PDB file of N, CA and C in Angstrom:
ATOM      1  N   MET A   1      82.742 139.377  62.814  1.00  0.00           N
ATOM      2  CA  MET A   1      83.267 139.994  64.029  1.00  0.00           C
ATOM      3  C   MET A   1      83.481 138.940  65.057  1.00  0.00           C
ATOM      4  N   GLY A   2      84.322 137.886  64.767  1.00  0.00           N
ATOM      5  CA  GLY A   2      84.652 136.949  65.717  1.00  0.00           C
ATOM      6  C   GLY A   2      83.643 135.804  65.868  1.00  0.00           C
ATOM      7  N   LEU A   3      83.790 135.010  66.886  1.00  0.00           N
ATOM      8  CA  LEU A   3      82.942 133.870  67.061  1.00  0.00           C
ATOM      9  C   LEU A   3      81.703 134.310  67.801  1.00  0.00           C
ATOM     10  N   GLY A   4      80.589 133.709  67.434  1.00  0.00           N
ATOM     11  CA  GLY A   4      79.333 133.941  68.178  1.00  0.00           C
ATOM     12  C   GLY A   4      79.309 133.100  69.426  1.00  0.00           C
ATOM     13  N   PRO A   5      78.217 133.225  70.181  1.00  0.00           N
ATOM     14  CA  PRO A   5      78.098 132.407  71.418  1.00  0.00           C
ATOM     15  C   PRO A   5      78.058 130.894  71.054  1.00  0.00           C
ATOM     16  N   HIS A   6      78.661 130.118  71.945  1.00  0.00           N
ATOM     17  CA  HIS A   6      78.688 128.713  71.732  1.00  0.00           C
ATOM     18  C   HIS A   6      77.577 128.092  72.626  1.00  0.00           C
ATOM     19  N   LEU A   7      76.582 127.508  71.964  1.00  0.00           N
ATOM     20  CA  LEU A   7      75.492 126.913  72.671  1.00  0.00           C
ATOM     21  C   LEU A   7      75.804 125.467  73.121  1.00  0.00           C
ATOM     22  N   VAL A   8      75.670 125.268  74.394  1.00  0.00           N
ATOM     23  CA  VAL A   8      75.949 123.903  74.973  1.00  0.00           C
ATOM     24  C   VAL A   8      74.625 123.265  75.266  1.00  0.00           C
ATOM     25  N   THR A   9      74.454 122.047  74.734  1.00  0.00           N
ATOM     26  CA  THR A   9      73.154 121.367  74.928  1.00  0.00           C
ATOM     27  C   THR A   9      73.502 120.028  75.681  1.00  0.00           C
ATOM     28  N   PRO A  10      72.521 119.368  76.273  1.00  0.00           N
ATOM     29  CA  PRO A  10      72.750 118.077  76.830  1.00  0.00           C
ATOM     30  C   PRO A  10      73.345 117.082  75.851  1.00  0.00           C
ATOM     31  N   ALA A  11      72.899 117.159  74.639  1.00  0.00           N
ATOM     32  CA  ALA A  11      73.437 116.210  73.600  1.00  0.00           C
ATOM     33  C   ALA A  11      74.907 116.527  73.324  1.00  0.00           C
ATOM     34  N   SER A  12      75.269 117.770  73.310  1.00  0.00           N
ATOM     35  CA  SER A  12      76.719 118.111  73.051  1.00  0.00           C
ATOM     36  C   SER A  12      77.601 117.696  74.184  1.00  0.00           C
ATOM     37  N   ILE A  13      77.050 117.763  75.366  1.00  0.00           N
ATOM     38  CA  ILE A  13      77.817 117.351  76.577  1.00  0.00           C
ATOM     39  C   ILE A  13      78.003 115.859  76.517  1.00  0.00           C
ATOM     40  N   ARG A  14      76.999 115.102  76.198  1.00  0.00           N
ATOM     41  CA  ARG A  14      77.101 113.656  76.085  1.00  0.00           C
ATOM     42  C   ARG A  14      78.047 113.266  74.933  1.00  0.00           C
ATOM     43  N   ALA A  15      78.034 113.994  73.844  1.00  0.00           N
ATOM     44  CA  ALA A  15      78.955 113.706  72.730  1.00  0.00           C
ATOM     45  C   ALA A  15      80.367 113.987  73.146  1.00  0.00           C
ATOM     46  N   ALA A  16      80.612 115.032  73.897  1.00  0.00           N
ATOM     47  CA  ALA A  16      81.973 115.306  74.349  1.00  0.00           C
ATOM     48  C   ALA A  16      82.457 114.213  75.342  1.00  0.00           C
ATOM     49  N   ALA A  17      81.531 113.758  76.207  1.00  0.00           N
ATOM     50  CA  ALA A  17      81.908 112.688  77.178  1.00  0.00           C
ATOM     51  C   ALA A  17      82.255 111.393  76.432  1.00  0.00           C
ATOM     52  N   ASP A  18      81.435 111.080  75.416  1.00  0.00           N
ATOM     53  CA  ASP A  18      81.722 109.894  74.574  1.00  0.00           C
ATOM     54  C   ASP A  18      83.038 110.006  73.883  1.00  0.00           C
ATOM     55  N   TYR A  19      83.319 111.166  73.333  1.00  0.00           N
ATOM     56  CA  TYR A  19      84.639 111.355  72.649  1.00  0.00           C
ATOM     57  C   TYR A  19      85.822 111.212  73.664  1.00  0.00           C
ATOM     58  N   GLN A  20      85.628 111.752  74.864  1.00  0.00           N
ATOM     59  CA  GLN A  20      86.653 111.582  75.862  1.00  0.00           C
ATOM     60  C   GLN A  20      86.890 110.136  76.215  1.00  0.00           C
ATOM     61  N   ARG A  21      85.824 109.357  76.254  1.00  0.00           N
ATOM     62  CA  ARG A  21      85.929 107.896  76.543  1.00  0.00           C
ATOM     63  C   ARG A  21      86.698 107.198  75.471  1.00  0.00           C
ATOM     64  N   LYS A  22      86.535 107.601  74.225  1.00  0.00           N
ATOM     65  CA  LYS A  22      87.334 106.975  73.125  1.00  0.00           C
ATOM     66  C   LYS A  22      88.763 107.359  73.237  1.00  0.00           C
ATOM     67  N   LEU A  23      89.044 108.602  73.579  1.00  0.00           N
ATOM     68  CA  LEU A  23      90.414 109.027  73.807  1.00  0.00           C
ATOM     69  C   LEU A  23      91.015 108.273  75.027  1.00  0.00           C
ATOM     70  N   PHE A  24      90.267 108.106  76.051  1.00  0.00           N
ATOM     71  CA  PHE A  24      90.693 107.420  77.200  1.00  0.00           C
ATOM     72  C   PHE A  24      91.075 105.971  76.901  1.00  0.00           C
ATOM     73  N   ASP A  25      90.165 105.252  76.136  1.00  0.00           N
ATOM     74  CA  ASP A  25      90.477 103.903  75.747  1.00  0.00           C
ATOM     75  C   ASP A  25      91.790 103.769  74.988  1.00  0.00           C
ATOM     76  N   THR A  26      92.046 104.711  74.061  1.00  0.00           N
ATOM     77  CA  THR A  26      93.242 104.695  73.311  1.00  0.00           C
ATOM     78  C   THR A  26      94.458 104.838  74.173  1.00  0.00           C
ATOM     79  N   CYS A  27      94.371 105.794  75.158  1.00  0.00           N
ATOM     80  CA  CYS A  27      95.477 105.976  76.118  1.00  0.00           C
ATOM     81  C   CYS A  27      95.698 104.741  76.999  1.00  0.00           C
ATOM     82  N   VAL A  28      94.656 104.132  77.385  1.00  0.00           N
ATOM     83  CA  VAL A  28      94.774 102.929  78.287  1.00  0.00           C
ATOM     84  C   VAL A  28      95.495 101.843  77.498  1.00  0.00           C
ATOM     85  N   LYS A  29      95.162 101.667  76.214  1.00  0.00           N
ATOM     86  CA  LYS A  29      95.893 100.633  75.392  1.00  0.00           C
ATOM     87  C   LYS A  29      97.345 100.876  75.299  1.00  0.00           C
ATOM     88  N   MET A  30      97.769 102.152  75.368  1.00  0.00           N
ATOM     89  CA  MET A  30      99.160 102.450  75.260  1.00  0.00           C
ATOM     90  C   MET A  30      99.892 102.505  76.571  1.00  0.00           C
ATOM     91  N   LEU A  31      99.170 102.380  77.703  1.00  0.00           N
ATOM     92  CA  LEU A  31      99.747 102.454  78.973  1.00  0.00           C
ATOM     93  C   LEU A  31     100.475 101.207  79.337  1.00  0.00           C
ATOM     94  N   ARG A  32     101.682 101.295  79.838  1.00  0.00           N
ATOM     95  CA  ARG A  32     102.439 100.121  80.355  1.00  0.00           C
ATOM     96  C   ARG A  32     101.755  99.795  81.682  1.00  0.00           C
ATOM     97  N   ARG A  33     101.476  98.516  81.862  1.00  0.00           N
ATOM     98  CA  ARG A  33     100.759  98.105  83.049  1.00  0.00           C
ATOM     99  C   ARG A  33     101.826  97.602  84.090  1.00  0.00           C
ATOM    100  N   THR A  34     102.360  98.577  84.763  1.00  0.00           N
ATOM    101  CA  THR A  34     103.278  98.314  85.836  1.00  0.00           C
ATOM    102  C   THR A  34     102.727  99.054  87.024  1.00  0.00           C
ATOM    103  N   ARG A  35     103.223  98.726  88.215  1.00  0.00           N
ATOM    104  CA  ARG A  35     102.788  99.408  89.451  1.00  0.00           C
ATOM    105  C   ARG A  35     103.129 100.863  89.447  1.00  0.00           C
ATOM    106  N   THR A  36     104.048 101.301  88.668  1.00  0.00           N
ATOM    107  CA  THR A  36     104.432 102.712  88.637  1.00  0.00           C
ATOM    108  C   THR A  36     103.854 103.522  87.517  1.00  0.00           C
ATOM    109  N   SER A  37     103.038 102.878  86.620  1.00  0.00           N
ATOM    110  CA  SER A  37     102.420 103.606  85.496  1.00  0.00           C
ATOM    111  C   SER A  37     101.381 104.550  86.039  1.00  0.00           C
ATOM    112  N   VAL A  38     101.309 105.709  85.393  1.00  0.00           N
ATOM    113  CA  VAL A  38     100.319 106.745  85.762  1.00  0.00           C
ATOM    114  C   VAL A  38      99.595 107.243  84.545  1.00  0.00           C
ATOM    115  N   LEU A  39      98.342 107.349  84.616  1.00  0.00           N
ATOM    116  CA  LEU A  39      97.503 107.919  83.536  1.00  0.00           C
ATOM    117  C   LEU A  39      96.714 109.080  84.252  1.00  0.00           C
ATOM    118  N   VAL A  40      96.919 110.307  83.764  1.00  0.00           N
ATOM    119  CA  VAL A  40      96.229 111.449  84.302  1.00  0.00           C
ATOM    120  C   VAL A  40      95.038 111.798  83.439  1.00  0.00           C
ATOM    121  N   TYR A  41      93.850 111.833  84.024  1.00  0.00           N
ATOM    122  CA  TYR A  41      92.675 112.277  83.285  1.00  0.00           C
ATOM    123  C   TYR A  41      92.222 113.690  83.823  1.00  0.00           C
ATOM    124  N   SER A  42      92.316 114.624  82.998  1.00  0.00           N
ATOM    125  CA  SER A  42      92.042 116.013  83.430  1.00  0.00           C
ATOM    126  C   SER A  42      91.210 116.695  82.311  1.00  0.00           C
ATOM    127  N   THR A  43      90.180 117.409  82.745  1.00  0.00           N
ATOM    128  CA  THR A  43      89.334 118.094  81.761  1.00  0.00           C
ATOM    129  C   THR A  43      89.253 119.582  82.244  1.00  0.00           C
ATOM    130  N   CYS A  44      88.788 120.427  81.291  1.00  0.00           N
ATOM    131  CA  CYS A  44      88.442 121.829  81.611  1.00  0.00           C
ATOM    132  C   CYS A  44      86.996 121.965  81.774  1.00  0.00           C
ATOM    133  N   ALA A  45      86.221 120.896  81.768  1.00  0.00           N
ATOM    134  CA  ALA A  45      84.806 120.906  81.804  1.00  0.00           C
ATOM    135  C   ALA A  45      84.339 120.889  83.311  1.00  0.00           C
ATOM    136  N   VAL A  46      83.143 121.336  83.521  1.00  0.00           N
ATOM    137  CA  VAL A  46      82.560 121.347  84.884  1.00  0.00           C
ATOM    138  C   VAL A  46      81.368 120.404  84.961  1.00  0.00           C
ATOM    139  N   THR A  47      81.086 119.617  83.898  1.00  0.00           N
ATOM    140  CA  THR A  47      79.850 118.813  83.892  1.00  0.00           C
ATOM    141  C   THR A  47      80.214 117.431  84.515  1.00  0.00           C
ATOM    142  N   LEU A  48      79.199 116.838  85.096  1.00  0.00           N
ATOM    143  CA  LEU A  48      79.261 115.531  85.700  1.00  0.00           C
ATOM    144  C   LEU A  48      79.665 114.515  84.593  1.00  0.00           C
ATOM    145  N   ASP A  49      79.059 114.556  83.431  1.00  0.00           N
ATOM    146  CA  ASP A  49      79.271 113.577  82.386  1.00  0.00           C
ATOM    147  C   ASP A  49      80.707 113.531  81.966  1.00  0.00           C
ATOM    148  N   GLU A  50      81.432 114.682  81.932  1.00  0.00           N
ATOM    149  CA  GLU A  50      82.828 114.716  81.444  1.00  0.00           C
ATOM    150  C   GLU A  50      83.815 114.504  82.586  1.00  0.00           C
ATOM    151  N   ASN A  51      83.350 114.439  83.784  1.00  0.00           N
ATOM    152  CA  ASN A  51      84.307 114.373  84.937  1.00  0.00           C
ATOM    153  C   ASN A  51      83.989 113.089  85.762  1.00  0.00           C
ATOM    154  N   GLU A  52      83.210 113.233  86.821  1.00  0.00           N
ATOM    155  CA  GLU A  52      82.970 112.095  87.722  1.00  0.00           C
ATOM    156  C   GLU A  52      82.427 110.859  87.007  1.00  0.00           C
ATOM    157  N   ALA A  53      81.429 111.092  86.085  1.00  0.00           N
ATOM    158  CA  ALA A  53      80.830 109.891  85.377  1.00  0.00           C
ATOM    159  C   ALA A  53      81.872 109.226  84.538  1.00  0.00           C
ATOM    160  N   ASN A  54      82.801 109.992  83.906  1.00  0.00           N
ATOM    161  CA  ASN A  54      83.787 109.296  83.122  1.00  0.00           C
ATOM    162  C   ASN A  54      84.877 108.601  83.959  1.00  0.00           C
ATOM    163  N   VAL A  55      85.117 109.136  85.143  1.00  0.00           N
ATOM    164  CA  VAL A  55      86.012 108.423  86.108  1.00  0.00           C
ATOM    165  C   VAL A  55      85.356 107.110  86.503  1.00  0.00           C
ATOM    166  N   LEU A  56      84.130 107.114  86.869  1.00  0.00           N
ATOM    167  CA  LEU A  56      83.396 105.957  87.195  1.00  0.00           C
ATOM    168  C   LEU A  56      83.348 104.941  86.094  1.00  0.00           C
ATOM    169  N   TRP A  57      83.090 105.449  84.840  1.00  0.00           N
ATOM    170  CA  TRP A  57      83.073 104.630  83.673  1.00  0.00           C
ATOM    171  C   TRP A  57      84.483 103.893  83.535  1.00  0.00           C
ATOM    172  N   ALA A  58      85.487 104.697  83.649  1.00  0.00           N
ATOM    173  CA  ALA A  58      86.886 104.154  83.454  1.00  0.00           C
ATOM    174  C   ALA A  58      87.182 103.096  84.487  1.00  0.00           C
ATOM    175  N   LEU A  59      86.820 103.293  85.744  1.00  0.00           N
ATOM    176  CA  LEU A  59      87.117 102.290  86.777  1.00  0.00           C
ATOM    177  C   LEU A  59      86.301 101.015  86.558  1.00  0.00           C
ATOM    178  N   ASN A  60      85.123 101.182  86.053  1.00  0.00           N
ATOM    179  CA  ASN A  60      84.238  99.971  85.760  1.00  0.00           C
ATOM    180  C   ASN A  60      84.616  99.251  84.445  1.00  0.00           C
ATOM    181  N   THR A  61      85.162  99.991  83.505  1.00  0.00           N
ATOM    182  CA  THR A  61      85.533  99.425  82.195  1.00  0.00           C
ATOM    183  C   THR A  61      86.914  98.765  82.205  1.00  0.00           C
ATOM    184  N   HIS A  62      87.844  99.311  82.997  1.00  0.00           N
ATOM    185  CA  HIS A  62      89.214  98.901  83.022  1.00  0.00           C
ATOM    186  C   HIS A  62      89.533  98.612  84.515  1.00  0.00           C
ATOM    187  N   PRO A  63      89.219  97.295  84.913  1.00  0.00           N
ATOM    188  CA  PRO A  63      89.300  96.958  86.334  1.00  0.00           C
ATOM    189  C   PRO A  63      90.776  97.036  86.876  1.00  0.00           C
ATOM    190  N   PHE A  64      91.769  97.053  86.023  1.00  0.00           N
ATOM    191  CA  PHE A  64      93.155  97.195  86.559  1.00  0.00           C
ATOM    192  C   PHE A  64      93.527  98.613  86.880  1.00  0.00           C
ATOM    193  N   LEU A  65      92.712  99.574  86.516  1.00  0.00           N
ATOM    194  CA  LEU A  65      92.936 100.978  86.904  1.00  0.00           C
ATOM    195  C   LEU A  65      92.659 101.204  88.335  1.00  0.00           C
ATOM    196  N   GLN A  66      93.402 102.019  89.011  1.00  0.00           N
ATOM    197  CA  GLN A  66      93.176 102.391  90.374  1.00  0.00           C
ATOM    198  C   GLN A  66      93.282 103.923  90.515  1.00  0.00           C
ATOM    199  N   ARG A  67      92.369 104.486  91.204  1.00  0.00           N
ATOM    200  CA  ARG A  67      92.442 105.916  91.515  1.00  0.00           C
ATOM    201  C   ARG A  67      93.510 106.046  92.596  1.00  0.00           C
ATOM    202  N   PRO A  68      94.410 107.031  92.568  1.00  0.00           N
ATOM    203  CA  PRO A  68      95.410 107.072  93.586  1.00  0.00           C
ATOM    204  C   PRO A  68      94.778 107.540  94.959  1.00  0.00           C
ATOM    205  N   ARG A  69      95.364 106.993  95.998  1.00  0.00           N
ATOM    206  CA  ARG A  69      94.837 107.360  97.368  1.00  0.00           C
ATOM    207  C   ARG A  69      95.582 108.700  97.699  1.00  0.00           C
ATOM    208  N   VAL A  70      94.872 109.619  98.332  1.00  0.00           N
ATOM    209  CA  VAL A  70      95.461 110.851  98.714  1.00  0.00           C
ATOM    210  C   VAL A  70      95.929 110.663 100.163  1.00  0.00           C
ATOM    211  N   ASN A  71      97.138 111.145 100.374  1.00  0.00           N
ATOM    212  CA  ASN A  71      97.772 110.882 101.726  1.00  0.00           C
ATOM    213  C   ASN A  71      97.633 112.081 102.633  1.00  0.00           C
ATOM    214  N   SER A  72      97.044 113.179 102.121  1.00  0.00           N
ATOM    215  CA  SER A  72      96.901 114.344 102.998  1.00  0.00           C
ATOM    216  C   SER A  72      95.694 114.226 103.872  1.00  0.00           C
ATOM    217  N   GLY A  73      95.520 115.071 104.813  1.00  0.00           N
ATOM    218  CA  GLY A  73      94.347 115.051 105.639  1.00  0.00           C
ATOM    219  C   GLY A  73      93.095 115.585 104.942  1.00  0.00           C
ATOM    220  N   ASN A  74      93.297 116.354 103.929  1.00  0.00           N
ATOM    221  CA  ASN A  74      92.166 116.918 103.113  1.00  0.00           C
ATOM    222  C   ASN A  74      92.147 116.225 101.790  1.00  0.00           C
ATOM    223  N   GLU A  75      91.206 115.289 101.623  1.00  0.00           N
ATOM    224  CA  GLU A  75      91.146 114.633 100.309  1.00  0.00           C
ATOM    225  C   GLU A  75      90.265 115.535  99.393  1.00  0.00           C
ATOM    226  N   ARG A  76      90.833 115.822  98.271  1.00  0.00           N
ATOM    227  CA  ARG A  76      90.031 116.606  97.343  1.00  0.00           C
ATOM    228  C   ARG A  76      89.141 115.722  96.534  1.00  0.00           C
ATOM    229  N   ARG A  77      87.903 116.180  96.385  1.00  0.00           N
ATOM    230  CA  ARG A  77      86.933 115.376  95.629  1.00  0.00           C
ATOM    231  C   ARG A  77      86.226 116.234  94.639  1.00  0.00           C
ATOM    232  N   PRO A  78      85.696 115.617  93.584  1.00  0.00           N
ATOM    233  CA  PRO A  78      84.932 116.405  92.627  1.00  0.00           C
ATOM    234  C   PRO A  78      83.659 116.964  93.321  1.00  0.00           C
ATOM    235  N   CYS A  79      83.310 118.199  93.025  1.00  0.00           N
ATOM    236  CA  CYS A  79      82.108 118.718  93.619  1.00  0.00           C
ATOM    237  C   CYS A  79      81.258 119.401  92.582  1.00  0.00           C
ATOM    238  N   SER A  80      80.029 119.545  92.954  1.00  0.00           N
ATOM    239  CA  SER A  80      79.019 120.150  92.062  1.00  0.00           C
ATOM    240  C   SER A  80      79.077 121.684  92.107  1.00  0.00           C
ATOM    241  N   LEU A  81      78.893 122.257  90.945  1.00  0.00           N
ATOM    242  CA  LEU A  81      78.769 123.732  90.849  1.00  0.00           C
ATOM    243  C   LEU A  81      77.342 124.185  91.173  1.00  0.00           C
ATOM    244  N   GLY A  82      76.478 123.229  91.555  1.00  0.00           N
ATOM    245  CA  GLY A  82      75.108 123.533  91.885  1.00  0.00           C
ATOM    246  C   GLY A  82      75.028 124.353  93.158  1.00  0.00           C
ATOM    247  N   SER A  83      76.030 124.249  93.989  1.00  0.00           N
ATOM    248  CA  SER A  83      76.090 125.015  95.240  1.00  0.00           C
ATOM    249  C   SER A  83      76.881 126.281  95.024  1.00  0.00           C
ATOM    250  N   THR A  84      76.420 127.380  95.520  1.00  0.00           N
ATOM    251  CA  THR A  84      77.170 128.641  95.370  1.00  0.00           C
ATOM    252  C   THR A  84      78.124 128.850  96.537  1.00  0.00           C
ATOM    253  N   ASN A  85      78.062 128.027  97.568  1.00  0.00           N
ATOM    254  CA  ASN A  85      78.906 128.196  98.691  1.00  0.00           C
ATOM    255  C   ASN A  85      79.929 127.107  98.640  1.00  0.00           C
ATOM    256  N   PHE A  86      81.077 127.334  97.932  1.00  0.00           N
ATOM    257  CA  PHE A  86      82.072 126.329  97.698  1.00  0.00           C
ATOM    258  C   PHE A  86      82.836 125.943  98.988  1.00  0.00           C
ATOM    259  N   ALA A  87      83.057 126.993  99.877  1.00  0.00           N
ATOM    260  CA  ALA A  87      83.787 126.751 101.126  1.00  0.00           C
ATOM    261  C   ALA A  87      83.046 125.817 102.046  1.00  0.00           C
ATOM    262  N   HIS A  88      81.755 125.877 102.064  1.00  0.00           N
ATOM    263  CA  HIS A  88      80.911 125.102 103.006  1.00  0.00           C
ATOM    264  C   HIS A  88      79.855 124.438 102.191  1.00  0.00           C
ATOM    265  N   GLY A  89      79.706 123.147 102.356  1.00  0.00           N
ATOM    266  CA  GLY A  89      78.518 122.527 101.736  1.00  0.00           C
ATOM    267  C   GLY A  89      78.744 122.119 100.315  1.00  0.00           C
ATOM    268  N   CYS A  90      79.981 121.900  99.783  1.00  0.00           N
ATOM    269  CA  CYS A  90      80.159 121.413  98.487  1.00  0.00           C
ATOM    270  C   CYS A  90      79.516 120.021  98.338  1.00  0.00           C
ATOM    271  N   ARG A  91      78.705 119.846  97.329  1.00  0.00           N
ATOM    272  CA  ARG A  91      78.064 118.530  97.162  1.00  0.00           C
ATOM    273  C   ARG A  91      79.024 117.626  96.470  1.00  0.00           C
ATOM    274  N   PHE A  92      79.210 116.377  96.953  1.00  0.00           N
ATOM    275  CA  PHE A  92      80.093 115.422  96.287  1.00  0.00           C
ATOM    276  C   PHE A  92      79.258 114.530  95.387  1.00  0.00           C
ATOM    277  N   LEU A  93      79.654 114.418  94.090  1.00  0.00           N
ATOM    278  CA  LEU A  93      78.922 113.693  93.148  1.00  0.00           C
ATOM    279  C   LEU A  93      79.485 112.350  92.901  1.00  0.00           C
ATOM    280  N   LEU A  94      78.698 111.310  92.913  1.00  0.00           N
ATOM    281  CA  LEU A  94      79.117 109.946  92.583  1.00  0.00           C
ATOM    282  C   LEU A  94      80.266 109.453  93.480  1.00  0.00           C
ATOM    283  N   GLN A  95      80.608 110.124  94.509  1.00  0.00           N
ATOM    284  CA  GLN A  95      81.755 109.723  95.326  1.00  0.00           C
ATOM    285  C   GLN A  95      81.556 108.297  95.853  1.00  0.00           C
ATOM    286  N   GLN A  96      80.416 107.905  96.286  1.00  0.00           N
ATOM    287  CA  GLN A  96      80.152 106.566  96.834  1.00  0.00           C
ATOM    288  C   GLN A  96      80.412 105.566  95.668  1.00  0.00           C
ATOM    289  N   GLU A  97      79.884 105.797  94.474  1.00  0.00           N
ATOM    290  CA  GLU A  97      80.037 104.808  93.424  1.00  0.00           C
ATOM    291  C   GLU A  97      81.504 104.783  92.991  1.00  0.00           C
ATOM    292  N   ILE A  98      82.199 105.933  92.954  1.00  0.00           N
ATOM    293  CA  ILE A  98      83.656 105.879  92.579  1.00  0.00           C
ATOM    294  C   ILE A  98      84.445 105.136  93.614  1.00  0.00           C
ATOM    295  N   ASN A  99      84.144 105.363  94.927  1.00  0.00           N
ATOM    296  CA  ASN A  99      84.866 104.618  95.963  1.00  0.00           C
ATOM    297  C   ASN A  99      84.595 103.152  95.890  1.00  0.00           C
ATOM    298  N   THR A 100      83.327 102.748  95.599  1.00  0.00           N
ATOM    299  CA  THR A 100      82.972 101.354  95.471  1.00  0.00           C
ATOM    300  C   THR A 100      83.724 100.694  94.318  1.00  0.00           C
ATOM    301  N   ALA A 101      83.800 101.360  93.187  1.00  0.00           N
ATOM    302  CA  ALA A 101      84.568 100.805  92.076  1.00  0.00           C
ATOM    303  C   ALA A 101      86.034 100.736  92.347  1.00  0.00           C
ATOM    304  N   GLN A 102      86.531 101.755  93.051  1.00  0.00           N
ATOM    305  CA  GLN A 102      87.974 101.723  93.403  1.00  0.00           C
ATOM    306  C   GLN A 102      88.289 100.557  94.322  1.00  0.00           C
ATOM    307  N   ARG A 103      87.434 100.324  95.323  1.00  0.00           N
ATOM    308  CA  ARG A 103      87.627  99.222  96.266  1.00  0.00           C
ATOM    309  C   ARG A 103      87.566  97.864  95.464  1.00  0.00           C
ATOM    310  N   ARG A 104      86.597  97.730  94.558  1.00  0.00           N
ATOM    311  CA  ARG A 104      86.465  96.527  93.798  1.00  0.00           C
ATOM    312  C   ARG A 104      87.751  96.286  93.008  1.00  0.00           C
ATOM    313  N   ASN A 105      88.340  97.336  92.390  1.00  0.00           N
ATOM    314  CA  ASN A 105      89.490  97.151  91.590  1.00  0.00           C
ATOM    315  C   ASN A 105      90.677  96.799  92.454  1.00  0.00           C
ATOM    316  N   GLU A 106      90.753  97.401  93.665  1.00  0.00           N
ATOM    317  CA  GLU A 106      91.851  97.066  94.564  1.00  0.00           C
ATOM    318  C   GLU A 106      91.755  95.627  94.985  1.00  0.00           C
ATOM    319  N   LEU A 107      90.554  95.094  95.228  1.00  0.00           N
ATOM    320  CA  LEU A 107      90.409  93.700  95.593  1.00  0.00           C
ATOM    321  C   LEU A 107      90.787  92.784  94.465  1.00  0.00           C
ATOM    322  N   LEU A 108      90.407  93.208  93.198  1.00  0.00           N
ATOM    323  CA  LEU A 108      90.817  92.381  92.066  1.00  0.00           C
ATOM    324  C   LEU A 108      92.296  92.264  91.943  1.00  0.00           C
ATOM    325  N   GLN A 109      93.071  93.317  92.339  1.00  0.00           N
ATOM    326  CA  GLN A 109      94.489  93.371  92.197  1.00  0.00           C
ATOM    327  C   GLN A 109      95.226  92.731  93.380  1.00  0.00           C
ATOM    328  N   ALA A 110      94.464  92.482  94.470  1.00  0.00           N
ATOM    329  CA  ALA A 110      95.087  91.987  95.664  1.00  0.00           C
ATOM    330  C   ALA A 110      95.496  90.556  95.540  1.00  0.00           C
ATOM    331  N   PRO A 111      96.569  90.183  96.206  1.00  0.00           N
ATOM    332  CA  PRO A 111      96.981  88.763  96.204  1.00  0.00           C
ATOM    333  C   PRO A 111      95.843  87.952  96.807  1.00  0.00           C
ATOM    334  N   THR A 112      95.687  86.720  96.276  1.00  0.00           N
ATOM    335  CA  THR A 112      94.598  85.904  96.676  1.00  0.00           C
ATOM    336  C   THR A 112      94.991  84.752  97.630  1.00  0.00           C
ATOM    337  N   SER A 113      96.282  84.655  97.883  1.00  0.00           N
ATOM    338  CA  SER A 113      96.686  83.554  98.826  1.00  0.00           C
ATOM    339  C   SER A 113      97.832  84.102  99.669  1.00  0.00           C
ATOM    340  N   LEU A 114      98.087  83.400 100.765  1.00  0.00           N
ATOM    341  CA  LEU A 114      99.156  83.779 101.689  1.00  0.00           C
ATOM    342  C   LEU A 114     100.512  83.691 100.920  1.00  0.00           C
ATOM    343  N   ALA A 115     100.647  82.720 100.042  1.00  0.00           N
ATOM    344  CA  ALA A 115     101.873  82.526  99.327  1.00  0.00           C
ATOM    345  C   ALA A 115     102.193  83.791  98.516  1.00  0.00           C
ATOM    346  N   GLU A 116     101.213  84.474  97.951  1.00  0.00           N
ATOM    347  CA  GLU A 116     101.408  85.610  97.168  1.00  0.00           C
ATOM    348  C   GLU A 116     101.842  86.805  98.071  1.00  0.00           C
ATOM    349  N   HIS A 117     101.593  86.708  99.356  1.00  0.00           N
ATOM    350  CA  HIS A 117     102.064  87.722 100.328  1.00  0.00           C
ATOM    351  C   HIS A 117     103.438  87.396 100.838  1.00  0.00           C
ATOM    352  N   GLY A 118     104.025  86.303 100.349  1.00  0.00           N
ATOM    353  CA  GLY A 118     105.322  85.907 100.826  1.00  0.00           C
ATOM    354  C   GLY A 118     105.295  85.140 102.126  1.00  0.00           C
ATOM    355  N   VAL A 119     104.160  84.507 102.409  1.00  0.00           N
ATOM    356  CA  VAL A 119     103.944  83.795 103.633  1.00  0.00           C
ATOM    357  C   VAL A 119     103.920  82.307 103.324  1.00  0.00           C
ATOM    358  N   ALA A 120     104.791  81.522 103.939  1.00  0.00           N
ATOM    359  CA  ALA A 120     104.797  80.065 103.699  1.00  0.00           C
ATOM    360  C   ALA A 120     104.261  79.357 104.950  1.00  0.00           C
ATOM    361  N   LYS A 121     103.589  78.231 104.776  1.00  0.00           N
ATOM    362  CA  LYS A 121     103.063  77.497 105.892  1.00  0.00           C
ATOM    363  C   LYS A 121     103.941  76.282 106.167  1.00  0.00           C
ATOM    364  N   GLU A 122     104.460  76.211 107.400  1.00  0.00           N
ATOM    365  CA  GLU A 122     105.318  75.116 107.725  1.00  0.00           C
ATOM    366  C   GLU A 122     104.766  74.480 109.068  1.00  0.00           C
ATOM    367  N   GLY A 123     104.323  73.234 108.964  1.00  0.00           N
ATOM    368  CA  GLY A 123     103.840  72.508 110.116  1.00  0.00           C
ATOM    369  C   GLY A 123     102.790  73.260 110.859  1.00  0.00           C
ATOM    370  N   GLY A 124     101.847  73.867 110.223  1.00  0.00           N
ATOM    371  CA  GLY A 124     100.787  74.553 110.885  1.00  0.00           C
ATOM    372  C   GLY A 124     101.098  75.998 111.270  1.00  0.00           C
ATOM    373  N   LEU A 125     102.364  76.429 111.086  1.00  0.00           N
ATOM    374  CA  LEU A 125     102.774  77.809 111.383  1.00  0.00           C
ATOM    375  C   LEU A 125     102.888  78.627 110.140  1.00  0.00           C
ATOM    376  N   HIS A 126     102.591  79.846 110.168  1.00  0.00           N
ATOM    377  CA  HIS A 126     102.792  80.764 109.025  1.00  0.00           C
ATOM    378  C   HIS A 126     104.137  81.470 109.202  1.00  0.00           C
ATOM    379  N   CYS A 127     105.022  81.338 108.198  1.00  0.00           N
ATOM    380  CA  CYS A 127     106.330  81.902 108.305  1.00  0.00           C
ATOM    381  C   CYS A 127     106.516  82.930 107.182  1.00  0.00           C
ATOM    382  N   TRP A 128     107.035  84.140 107.498  1.00  0.00           N
ATOM    383  CA  TRP A 128     107.264  85.151 106.504  1.00  0.00           C
ATOM    384  C   TRP A 128     108.547  84.827 105.726  1.00  0.00           C
ATOM    385  N   ASN A 129     108.541  84.865 104.496  1.00  0.00           N
ATOM    386  CA  ASN A 129     109.780  84.688 103.667  1.00  0.00           C
ATOM    387  C   ASN A 129     110.578  85.928 103.563  1.00  0.00           C
TER     388      ASN A 129
END
């Protein structure tokens, strides 16, 4: 009479997250590394391991990846289902760590000299090219 209940255990969640990381690695290898390249990571899961933790892992494992900046006034962030009041008091998980990894990756990608910014030094003055 159809499928029985599907039991989710901490081990099965970790296994799913590990499998997603392998898929992610494969996708990253196929990604063209240009400023306009986009890789979308989306899951139907609600667990920390399969969402925020994997985003943090990806940013730490692949330093050239950058999380897009949101230009709207309301930045959407991953939130915990531990709270029943989603409109008020949504808990943000790993946001500090994700932001730290994002900032580190941005700094790694940033030009390291004035010349890389198109600025030349002539006689003690900085001139834009």
